[in-house]
Amino acid sequence: MGRVQDKVIWITGASSGIGLEMARQLSERGSKLILSARRLDVLEKIKSELKNPSDVLTLDLDLTKPETFEVAIANAFQRFGHIDV
């Protein structure tokens, strides 16, 4: 996975499958995570189970609704100041 410690990484579809596993692995390696999916309740549960939940932002995001992207991006930048991946 290369050097990901302290990198801010946004994972869409983080509530299951590949996105969930990426969140687990990146958290173990010290990444700061933005996790988004349509199921915020599931994301909050996942966040609580990760290595550093204080380094995780969860966002309710439906990629079929582009009108919501601007708010999500603003929230991500407000929390971390930038996004690396």
Protein backbone atom coordinates (compact mmCIF):
# COMPACT_ATOMS: atom_id res chain seq x y z
CA MET A 1 0.00 0.00 0.00
CA GLY A 2 2.96 2.31 0.14
CA ARG A 3 3.32 5.12 2.63
CA VAL A 4 -0.10 6.04 3.91
CA GLN A 5 0.60 7.08 7.49
CA ASP A 6 -0.94 10.50 8.18
CA LYS A 7 -2.34 10.71 4.63
CA VAL A 8 -5.96 11.87 4.37
CA ILE A 9 -7.75 9.26 2.29
CA TRP A 10 -11.40 9.41 1.22
CA ILE A 11 -13.12 6.07 0.69
CA THR A 12 -16.53 6.00 -0.96
CA GLY A 13 -18.63 2.90 -0.45
CA ALA A 14 -16.87 2.34 2.87
CA SER A 15 -19.80 0.56 4.54
CA SER A 16 -19.08 -2.84 2.99
CA GLY A 17 -16.92 -4.91 0.68
CA ILE A 18 -13.66 -3.52 -0.66
CA GLY A 19 -14.30 -0.08 0.82
CA LEU A 20 -14.74 -1.51 4.30
CA GLU A 21 -11.60 -3.61 4.05
CA MET A 22 -9.63 -0.62 2.75
CA ALA A 23 -10.81 1.40 5.76
CA ARG A 24 -9.65 -1.32 8.14
CA GLN A 25 -6.25 -1.72 6.51
CA LEU A 26 -5.57 2.00 6.12
CA SER A 27 -6.59 2.71 9.70
CA GLU A 28 -4.10 0.09 10.90
CA ARG A 29 -1.40 1.89 8.89
CA GLY A 30 -2.15 5.29 10.45
CA SER A 31 -4.16 7.00 7.73
CA LYS A 32 -6.68 9.72 8.45
CA LEU A 33 -9.91 8.59 6.83
CA ILE A 34 -12.99 10.12 5.30
CA LEU A 35 -15.55 7.32 5.02
CA SER A 36 -18.66 7.87 2.97
CA ALA A 37 -21.65 5.77 2.03
CA ARG A 38 -25.42 6.01 2.06
CA ARG A 39 -25.65 4.22 5.42
CA LEU A 40 -24.28 6.64 8.00
CA ASP A 41 -25.32 4.40 10.90
CA VAL A 42 -23.16 1.59 9.50
CA LEU A 43 -20.24 3.98 8.97
CA GLU A 44 -20.45 5.15 12.57
CA LYS A 45 -20.27 1.55 13.79
CA ILE A 46 -17.26 0.88 11.55
CA LYS A 47 -15.58 4.07 12.78
CA SER A 48 -15.92 2.94 16.39
CA GLU A 49 -14.17 -0.34 15.54
CA LEU A 50 -11.18 1.20 13.75
CA LYS A 51 -7.75 1.68 15.33
CA ASN A 52 -7.95 5.50 15.56
CA PRO A 53 -11.62 6.57 15.42
CA SER A 54 -10.63 10.16 16.23
CA ASP A 55 -8.86 10.27 12.84
CA VAL A 56 -12.02 9.29 10.96
CA LEU A 57 -14.75 11.49 9.48
CA THR A 58 -17.95 9.79 8.35
CA LEU A 59 -20.15 11.38 5.71
CA ASP A 60 -23.59 10.40 4.45
CA LEU A 61 -23.05 10.49 0.69
CA ASP A 62 -24.96 9.11 -2.27
CA LEU A 63 -22.84 9.30 -5.43
CA THR A 64 -26.00 9.39 -7.56
CA LYS A 65 -26.80 12.82 -6.07
CA PRO A 66 -24.05 15.20 -7.23
CA GLU A 67 -25.87 18.17 -5.70
CA THR A 68 -24.68 16.90 -2.29
CA PHE A 69 -20.97 16.76 -3.20
CA GLU A 70 -20.17 20.40 -2.43
CA VAL A 71 -21.31 20.10 1.20
CA ALA A 72 -19.45 16.80 1.66
CA ILE A 73 -16.24 18.25 0.25
CA ALA A 74 -16.57 21.33 2.47
CA ASN A 75 -16.99 19.10 5.53
CA ALA A 76 -13.92 17.07 4.60
CA PHE A 77 -11.77 20.18 4.11
CA GLN A 78 -13.08 21.74 7.31
CA ARG A 79 -12.02 18.65 9.27
CA PHE A 80 -8.65 17.84 7.67
CA GLY A 81 -7.69 20.90 5.60
CA HIS A 82 -6.82 18.80 2.55
CA ILE A 83 -7.32 15.40 0.90
CA ASP A 84 -4.36 13.34 -0.28
CA VAL A 85 -6.17 10.43 -1.95
